[in-house]
Amino acid sequence: MSILFKGVSETDGRLPFFLAQKAQIKAKKQQKDSALLYFYKSIEKIHKGKDSLHSNLDNFTSSKSYNHTKLLIRIGEELTYYYKNDTVLQKKVNKLYLLALQQFENSYLDTNFNPKQNNELRKILKGILKSKKTGFKENHPNKMILNKYEAFKNKLAWKKFYENRYTNSLPELDSLKNRQLELASLLSFAKLNGQIRKQDSINRLIERHDNSKKKLFPQLNLFSNFNFSVEELQQTLTTKDIVLKYILLNDELAVYQISKNSFKVNLLKWTINDQEKLQRFITKTQKHNYNTNLASKFGEFLIPNLDDRISNIIINPDGLLYKLPFEILTKKIRF
């Protein structure tokens, strides 16, 4: 590493990665202070703000490099692995995952769709939830984190849809996209110049354009509506409703409970063994030959204890859970 650093300039794009590698070596050698110093220097090289990076990272300005997102996640994972019992340091780990979310937001649109982006997004969510689970509290509410996660996931789905071979063979889609940008630009110019009549005309053209788009691609809005808001969802619920939203996070499962007046999330252990058991159970349900005891066990595991006023459960599954018929699960009611 010493020889390598001699040939690297301060502006070399590889420097943050080399510094992180040196930090990992220091951590392995149980040289904590040196390890933390080089991890900080690595993050400092990613930081694009005019001022020097603060020690608490609160003025971090993200770059446009998607690889820096992966590096911040890796640093968070390394710090968790080597110093998981250091509560003071774990507060910084929580901050790191929030920075990774910020970095993801600032960089992922500049890259082509890659399934790994979805995995990185899940790693960020897991890192944030795990550090909150350890008792670290910061002014970053879980609602905001879920809103961002869903918006990014929707945009990734759109990128996947738009970049696949089928849509690439559709010139109409490119034409519609260009027309939409052109109309938006014209409307913006008319507003800037206070041209009321022209604004009305352009709005009518936009309405016609949207109608044409719906006829050509009726399912397009399912992909291109990126926004998600827990707050708006809660407004649509009654006091008898609850949404159970599941997100798979490798070896853990996040279970969100969203009702009209409450919002909480639990992290459950989700081992390979659990997943294999569930896969076998699902296969048997498809053959109408499942074990009712297992239906009860999975019900106790997947369905949280609910308020007795709840009568409508809305399931929003993820991954393997899409194949699970939740209606056959059983759970004992506890008062």
Protein backbone atom coordinates (compact mmCIF):
# COMPACT_ATOMS: atom_id res chain seq x y z
CA MET A 1 0.00 0.00 0.00
CA SER A 2 2.85 2.41 0.81
CA ILE A 3 4.38 1.89 -2.64
CA LEU A 4 0.96 2.29 -4.25
CA PHE A 5 0.27 5.61 -2.50
CA LYS A 6 3.58 7.05 -3.77
CA GLY A 7 2.32 6.89 -7.35
CA VAL A 8 -1.15 8.35 -6.71
CA SER A 9 -1.94 12.06 -6.95
CA GLU A 10 -4.39 13.82 -4.64
CA THR A 11 -6.87 14.17 -7.49
CA ASP A 12 -6.73 10.51 -8.58
CA GLY A 13 -10.25 9.06 -8.61
CA ARG A 14 -8.98 5.79 -7.12
CA LEU A 15 -7.72 7.45 -3.96
CA PRO A 16 -10.90 7.08 -1.83
CA PHE A 17 -10.88 3.33 -2.54
CA PHE A 18 -7.17 2.97 -1.71
CA LEU A 19 -7.66 4.88 1.55
CA ALA A 20 -10.58 2.62 2.51
CA GLN A 21 -8.43 -0.43 1.78
CA LYS A 22 -5.66 0.93 4.00
CA ALA A 23 -8.25 1.58 6.74
CA GLN A 24 -9.40 -2.03 6.52
CA ILE A 25 -5.82 -3.25 6.92
CA LYS A 26 -5.43 -1.05 10.01
CA ALA A 27 -8.70 -2.40 11.43
CA LYS A 28 -7.55 -6.00 10.88
CA LYS A 29 -4.34 -5.15 12.73
CA GLN A 30 -6.51 -3.75 15.58
CA GLN A 31 -5.11 -0.25 15.09
CA LYS A 32 -8.41 1.49 15.71
CA ASP A 33 -7.30 5.13 15.67
CA SER A 34 -5.41 4.70 12.39
CA ALA A 35 -8.30 2.76 10.87
CA LEU A 36 -10.80 5.49 11.72
CA LEU A 37 -8.44 8.16 10.39
CA TYR A 38 -8.13 6.47 6.99
CA PHE A 39 -11.86 5.73 6.77
CA TYR A 40 -12.46 9.44 7.41
CA LYS A 41 -9.88 10.40 4.76
CA SER A 42 -11.64 8.12 2.28
CA ILE A 43 -15.00 9.83 2.91
CA GLU A 44 -13.24 13.21 2.75
CA LYS A 45 -12.10 12.42 -0.79
CA ILE A 46 -15.69 11.66 -1.83
CA HIS A 47 -16.98 14.92 -0.27
CA LYS A 48 -17.49 17.63 -2.93
CA GLY A 49 -18.36 20.59 -0.69
CA LYS A 50 -16.36 23.81 -0.72
CA ASP A 51 -15.60 23.56 3.00
CA SER A 52 -13.54 20.81 4.60
CA LEU A 53 -15.54 17.80 5.78
CA HIS A 54 -16.57 18.10 9.44
CA SER A 55 -15.57 15.32 11.81
CA ASN A 56 -19.27 14.50 12.40
CA LEU A 57 -19.85 14.41 8.60
CA ASP A 58 -22.82 16.80 8.84
CA ASN A 59 -21.68 18.96 5.88
CA PHE A 60 -21.03 16.06 3.51
CA THR A 61 -21.78 16.89 -0.14
CA SER A 62 -22.18 13.89 -2.42
CA SER A 63 -20.39 13.35 -5.72
CA LYS A 64 -21.87 12.14 -9.01
CA SER A 65 -20.08 8.78 -8.86
CA TYR A 66 -22.28 5.74 -8.25
CA ASN A 67 -19.19 3.79 -7.19
CA HIS A 68 -18.88 6.14 -4.21
CA THR A 69 -22.29 4.90 -3.03
CA LYS A 70 -20.92 1.37 -2.90
CA LEU A 71 -17.80 2.60 -1.12
CA LEU A 72 -19.80 4.34 1.63
CA ILE A 73 -21.84 1.16 2.13
CA ARG A 74 -18.64 -0.88 2.33
CA ILE A 75 -17.15 1.48 4.93
CA GLY A 76 -20.34 1.20 6.99
CA GLU A 77 -20.18 -2.59 6.79
CA GLU A 78 -16.50 -2.64 7.81
CA LEU A 79 -17.08 -0.35 10.80
CA THR A 80 -20.03 -2.48 11.91
CA TYR A 81 -17.98 -5.66 11.58
CA TYR A 82 -14.88 -4.47 13.44
CA TYR A 83 -16.47 -2.16 16.03
CA LYS A 84 -20.02 -3.41 16.54
CA ASN A 85 -19.77 -2.98 20.34
CA ASP A 86 -18.58 0.62 20.14
CA THR A 87 -21.86 2.54 20.63
CA VAL A 88 -20.29 5.94 19.95
CA LEU A 89 -18.87 4.76 16.65
CA GLN A 90 -22.12 3.07 15.63
CA LYS A 91 -23.77 6.51 15.69
CA LYS A 92 -21.41 7.47 12.88
CA VAL A 93 -22.29 4.25 11.06
CA ASN A 94 -25.92 5.34 11.03
CA LYS A 95 -24.81 8.68 9.59
CA LEU A 96 -22.76 6.84 6.95
CA TYR A 97 -25.76 4.92 5.66
CA LEU A 98 -27.74 8.14 5.46
CA LEU A 99 -24.87 9.64 3.46
CA ALA A 100 -24.95 6.55 1.22
CA LEU A 101 -28.66 7.19 0.62
CA GLN A 102 -27.84 10.80 -0.30
CA GLN A 103 -25.00 9.63 -2.56
CA PHE A 104 -27.30 7.05 -4.20
CA GLU A 105 -29.87 9.76 -4.93
CA ASN A 106 -27.24 12.01 -6.50
CA SER A 107 -25.59 9.38 -8.70
CA TYR A 108 -27.75 6.42 -9.71
CA LEU A 109 -29.64 8.17 -12.52
CA ASP A 110 -26.36 8.74 -14.35
CA THR A 111 -25.87 5.00 -14.84
CA ASN A 112 -27.67 2.38 -16.90
CA PHE A 113 -29.96 -0.01 -15.03
CA ASN A 114 -28.12 -2.71 -13.12
CA PRO A 115 -29.81 -5.24 -10.77
CA LYS A 116 -27.02 -4.52 -8.28
CA GLN A 117 -28.49 -1.04 -7.76
CA ASN A 118 -31.52 -2.65 -6.15
CA ASN A 119 -29.23 -4.68 -3.88
CA GLU A 120 -27.26 -1.58 -2.86
CA LEU A 121 -30.49 0.24 -2.04
CA ARG A 122 -31.57 -2.64 0.20
CA LYS A 123 -28.17 -2.64 1.93
CA ILE A 124 -28.60 1.06 2.71
CA LEU A 125 -32.09 0.51 4.13
CA LYS A 126 -30.86 -2.42 6.22
CA GLY A 127 -27.93 -0.40 7.56
CA ILE A 128 -30.20 2.47 8.60
CA LEU A 129 -32.78 0.20 10.24
CA LYS A 130 -30.18 -1.87 12.08
CA SER A 131 -28.46 1.19 13.54
CA LYS A 132 -31.84 2.56 14.64
CA LYS A 133 -32.59 -0.83 16.21
CA THR A 134 -29.47 -0.52 18.38
CA GLY A 135 -31.01 2.57 19.98
CA PHE A 136 -29.46 5.33 17.90
CA LYS A 137 -31.96 8.15 17.36
CA GLU A 138 -31.47 10.94 14.84
CA ASN A 139 -33.77 13.41 13.14
CA HIS A 140 -34.28 11.13 10.15
CA PRO A 141 -37.76 9.60 10.63
CA ASN A 142 -38.45 6.15 9.25
CA LYS A 143 -41.33 7.55 7.17
CA MET A 144 -38.94 9.73 5.19
CA ILE A 145 -36.53 6.81 4.70
CA LEU A 146 -39.34 4.57 3.38
CA ASN A 147 -40.63 7.33 1.08
CA LYS A 148 -37.16 7.73 -0.44
CA TYR A 149 -36.63 3.97 -0.71
CA GLU A 150 -39.92 3.50 -2.57
CA ALA A 151 -39.30 6.45 -4.90
CA PHE A 152 -35.85 5.12 -5.82
CA LYS A 153 -37.20 1.60 -6.29
CA ASN A 154 -39.91 2.93 -8.63
CA LYS A 155 -37.34 4.85 -10.66
CA LEU A 156 -35.17 1.73 -10.93
CA ALA A 157 -38.20 -0.21 -12.20
CA TRP A 158 -38.76 2.51 -14.80
CA LYS A 159 -35.13 2.39 -15.91
CA LYS A 160 -35.34 -1.39 -16.26
CA PHE A 161 -38.55 -1.06 -18.29
CA TYR A 162 -37.23 1.73 -20.51
CA GLU A 163 -33.87 0.10 -21.22
CA ASN A 164 -35.07 -3.41 -22.05
CA ARG A 165 -34.93 -4.69 -25.63
CA TYR A 166 -38.67 -4.47 -26.22
CA THR A 167 -39.01 -0.79 -25.40
CA ASN A 168 -35.78 0.01 -27.24
CA SER A 169 -37.50 -1.25 -30.39
CA LEU A 170 -40.37 1.19 -29.92
CA PRO A 171 -39.61 4.56 -31.55
CA GLU A 172 -43.01 5.81 -30.35
CA LEU A 173 -41.79 5.76 -26.74
CA ASP A 174 -38.78 7.96 -27.54
CA SER A 175 -41.02 10.27 -29.56
CA LEU A 176 -43.46 10.59 -26.66
CA LYS A 177 -40.65 11.28 -24.21
CA ASN A 178 -39.16 14.01 -26.45
CA ARG A 179 -42.59 15.57 -27.01
CA GLN A 180 -43.25 15.63 -23.26
CA LEU A 181 -39.94 17.41 -22.61
CA GLU A 182 -40.63 19.90 -25.41
CA LEU A 183 -44.09 20.79 -24.04
CA ALA A 184 -42.75 21.12 -20.50
CA SER A 185 -40.06 23.49 -21.75
CA LEU A 186 -42.61 25.60 -23.67
CA LEU A 187 -44.89 25.80 -20.63
CA SER A 188 -42.02 26.85 -18.39
CA PHE A 189 -41.04 29.61 -20.86
CA ALA A 190 -44.66 30.86 -21.09
CA LYS A 191 -44.95 31.01 -17.29
CA LEU A 192 -41.66 32.88 -17.05
CA ASN A 193 -42.93 35.52 -19.47
CA GLY A 194 -46.44 35.74 -17.97
CA GLN A 195 -48.13 34.56 -21.20
CA ILE A 196 -51.47 33.36 -19.80
CA ARG A 197 -53.15 32.50 -23.12
CA LYS A 198 -50.11 30.58 -24.32
CA GLN A 199 -50.05 28.66 -21.00
CA ASP A 200 -53.69 27.63 -21.55
CA SER A 201 -52.93 26.46 -25.10
CA ILE A 202 -49.88 24.46 -24.01
CA ASN A 203 -51.82 22.87 -21.13
CA ARG A 204 -54.44 21.69 -23.66
CA LEU A 205 -51.64 20.21 -25.79
CA ILE A 206 -50.20 18.47 -22.72
CA GLU A 207 -53.65 17.03 -21.96
CA ARG A 208 -53.94 15.68 -25.52
CA HIS A 209 -50.42 14.31 -25.31
CA ASP A 210 -51.25 12.47 -22.05
CA ASN A 211 -54.39 10.99 -23.61
CA SER A 212 -52.39 9.75 -26.64
CA LYS A 213 -49.75 8.27 -24.32
CA LYS A 214 -52.41 6.37 -22.35
CA LYS A 215 -53.83 4.90 -25.56
CA LEU A 216 -50.44 3.79 -26.87
CA PHE A 217 -49.04 2.60 -23.52
CA PRO A 218 -51.92 2.11 -21.04
CA GLN A 219 -49.66 0.68 -18.33
CA LEU A 220 -46.95 3.32 -18.60
CA ASN A 221 -48.12 5.33 -15.57
CA LEU A 222 -47.62 2.27 -13.37
CA PHE A 223 -43.90 2.59 -14.06
CA SER A 224 -43.44 6.33 -14.39
CA ASN A 225 -45.24 7.41 -11.20
CA PHE A 226 -42.18 7.53 -8.95
CA ASN A 227 -43.54 9.20 -5.84
CA PHE A 228 -44.60 7.40 -2.69
CA SER A 229 -45.80 9.03 0.51
CA VAL A 230 -46.58 7.23 3.76
CA GLU A 231 -48.49 10.33 4.88
CA GLU A 232 -50.75 10.29 1.79
CA LEU A 233 -51.30 6.55 2.17
CA GLN A 234 -52.36 7.02 5.81
CA GLN A 235 -54.95 9.60 4.75
CA THR A 236 -56.66 6.97 2.56
CA LEU A 237 -56.93 4.41 5.38
CA THR A 238 -59.75 4.01 7.89
CA THR A 239 -59.20 3.15 11.56
CA LYS A 240 -60.02 -0.48 10.67
CA ASP A 241 -57.24 -0.77 8.06
CA ILE A 242 -53.57 -1.66 8.32
CA VAL A 243 -50.93 -2.07 5.61
CA LEU A 244 -48.25 -4.69 6.23
CA LYS A 245 -45.32 -3.93 3.95
CA TYR A 246 -42.47 -6.46 3.72
CA ILE A 247 -38.98 -5.70 2.42
CA LEU A 248 -36.37 -8.47 2.12
CA LEU A 249 -32.94 -7.37 3.33
CA ASN A 250 -30.74 -10.40 2.67
CA ASP A 251 -30.68 -12.16 6.07
CA GLU A 252 -33.34 -9.94 7.64
CA LEU A 253 -36.91 -8.98 6.89
CA ALA A 254 -38.31 -5.50 7.50
CA VAL A 255 -42.02 -5.52 8.39
CA TYR A 256 -43.68 -2.11 8.22
CA GLN A 257 -47.01 -1.57 9.95
CA ILE A 258 -48.87 1.43 8.51
CA SER A 259 -52.26 2.38 9.92
CA LYS A 260 -54.20 5.65 9.88
CA ASN A 261 -52.61 6.93 13.09
CA SER A 262 -49.45 4.87 13.56
CA PHE A 263 -46.31 3.81 11.75
CA LYS A 264 -43.65 1.37 12.91
CA VAL A 265 -41.15 -1.10 11.55
CA ASN A 266 -39.64 -4.30 12.95
CA LEU A 267 -36.58 -6.20 11.75
CA LEU A 268 -36.87 -9.99 11.80
CA LYS A 269 -34.14 -12.57 11.30
CA TRP A 270 -34.53 -14.12 7.84
CA THR A 271 -32.03 -16.94 7.42
CA ILE A 272 -31.42 -19.10 4.35
CA ASN A 273 -33.04 -21.94 6.30
CA ASP A 274 -36.20 -19.82 6.86
CA GLN A 275 -36.35 -18.97 3.16
CA GLU A 276 -35.94 -22.59 2.09
CA LYS A 277 -38.68 -23.71 4.52
CA LEU A 278 -41.00 -21.05 3.14
CA GLN A 279 -40.22 -22.05 -0.46
CA ARG A 280 -41.12 -25.69 0.31
CA PHE A 281 -44.29 -24.55 2.08
CA ILE A 282 -45.32 -22.41 -0.92
CA THR A 283 -44.72 -25.34 -3.29
CA LYS A 284 -47.04 -27.49 -1.19
CA THR A 285 -49.73 -24.81 -1.07
CA GLN A 286 -49.71 -24.75 -4.87
CA LYS A 287 -50.48 -28.49 -4.75
CA HIS A 288 -53.13 -27.93 -2.03
CA ASN A 289 -51.16 -30.16 0.31
CA TYR A 290 -49.67 -27.93 3.00
CA ASN A 291 -49.04 -28.45 6.71
CA THR A 292 -51.44 -26.40 8.88
CA ASN A 293 -48.88 -26.31 11.69
CA LEU A 294 -46.46 -24.57 9.34
CA ALA A 295 -49.23 -22.16 8.31
CA SER A 296 -49.53 -21.27 11.99
CA LYS A 297 -45.75 -20.93 12.45
CA PHE A 298 -45.38 -18.65 9.43
CA GLY A 299 -48.44 -16.70 10.56
CA GLU A 300 -46.88 -16.10 13.99
CA PHE A 301 -43.62 -15.10 12.33
CA LEU A 302 -44.90 -12.85 9.54
CA ILE A 303 -48.04 -11.28 11.04
CA PRO A 304 -47.36 -8.90 13.95
CA ASN A 305 -49.71 -8.49 16.89
CA LEU A 306 -52.42 -6.11 15.75
CA ASP A 307 -54.90 -3.83 17.48
CA ASP A 308 -58.24 -5.64 17.93
CA ARG A 309 -59.99 -2.80 16.06
CA ILE A 310 -58.22 -3.80 12.83
CA SER A 311 -60.44 -5.81 10.47
CA ASN A 312 -58.81 -5.14 7.08
CA ILE A 313 -55.21 -6.22 6.46
CA ILE A 314 -53.58 -5.02 3.23
CA ILE A 315 -50.49 -7.05 2.32
CA ASN A 316 -47.64 -5.53 0.30
CA PRO A 317 -45.15 -8.42 -0.14
CA ASP A 318 -41.63 -8.59 -1.56
CA GLY A 319 -39.61 -11.22 -3.40
CA LEU A 320 -40.54 -14.77 -2.43
CA LEU A 321 -43.44 -13.49 -0.32
CA TYR A 322 -45.34 -12.58 -3.52
CA LYS A 323 -45.91 -16.31 -4.01
CA LEU A 324 -47.24 -16.86 -0.49
CA PRO A 325 -51.05 -16.98 -0.09
CA PHE A 326 -51.23 -14.97 3.15
CA GLU A 327 -54.91 -15.82 3.60
CA ILE A 328 -54.06 -19.39 4.69
CA LEU A 329 -51.78 -18.22 7.52
CA THR A 330 -53.16 -18.43 11.05
CA LYS A 331 -52.29 -16.45 14.16
CA LYS A 332 -53.52 -16.54 17.74
CA ILE A 333 -55.20 -13.35 18.89
CA ARG A 334 -53.60 -11.88 21.99
CA PHE A 335 -55.45 -9.37 24.13
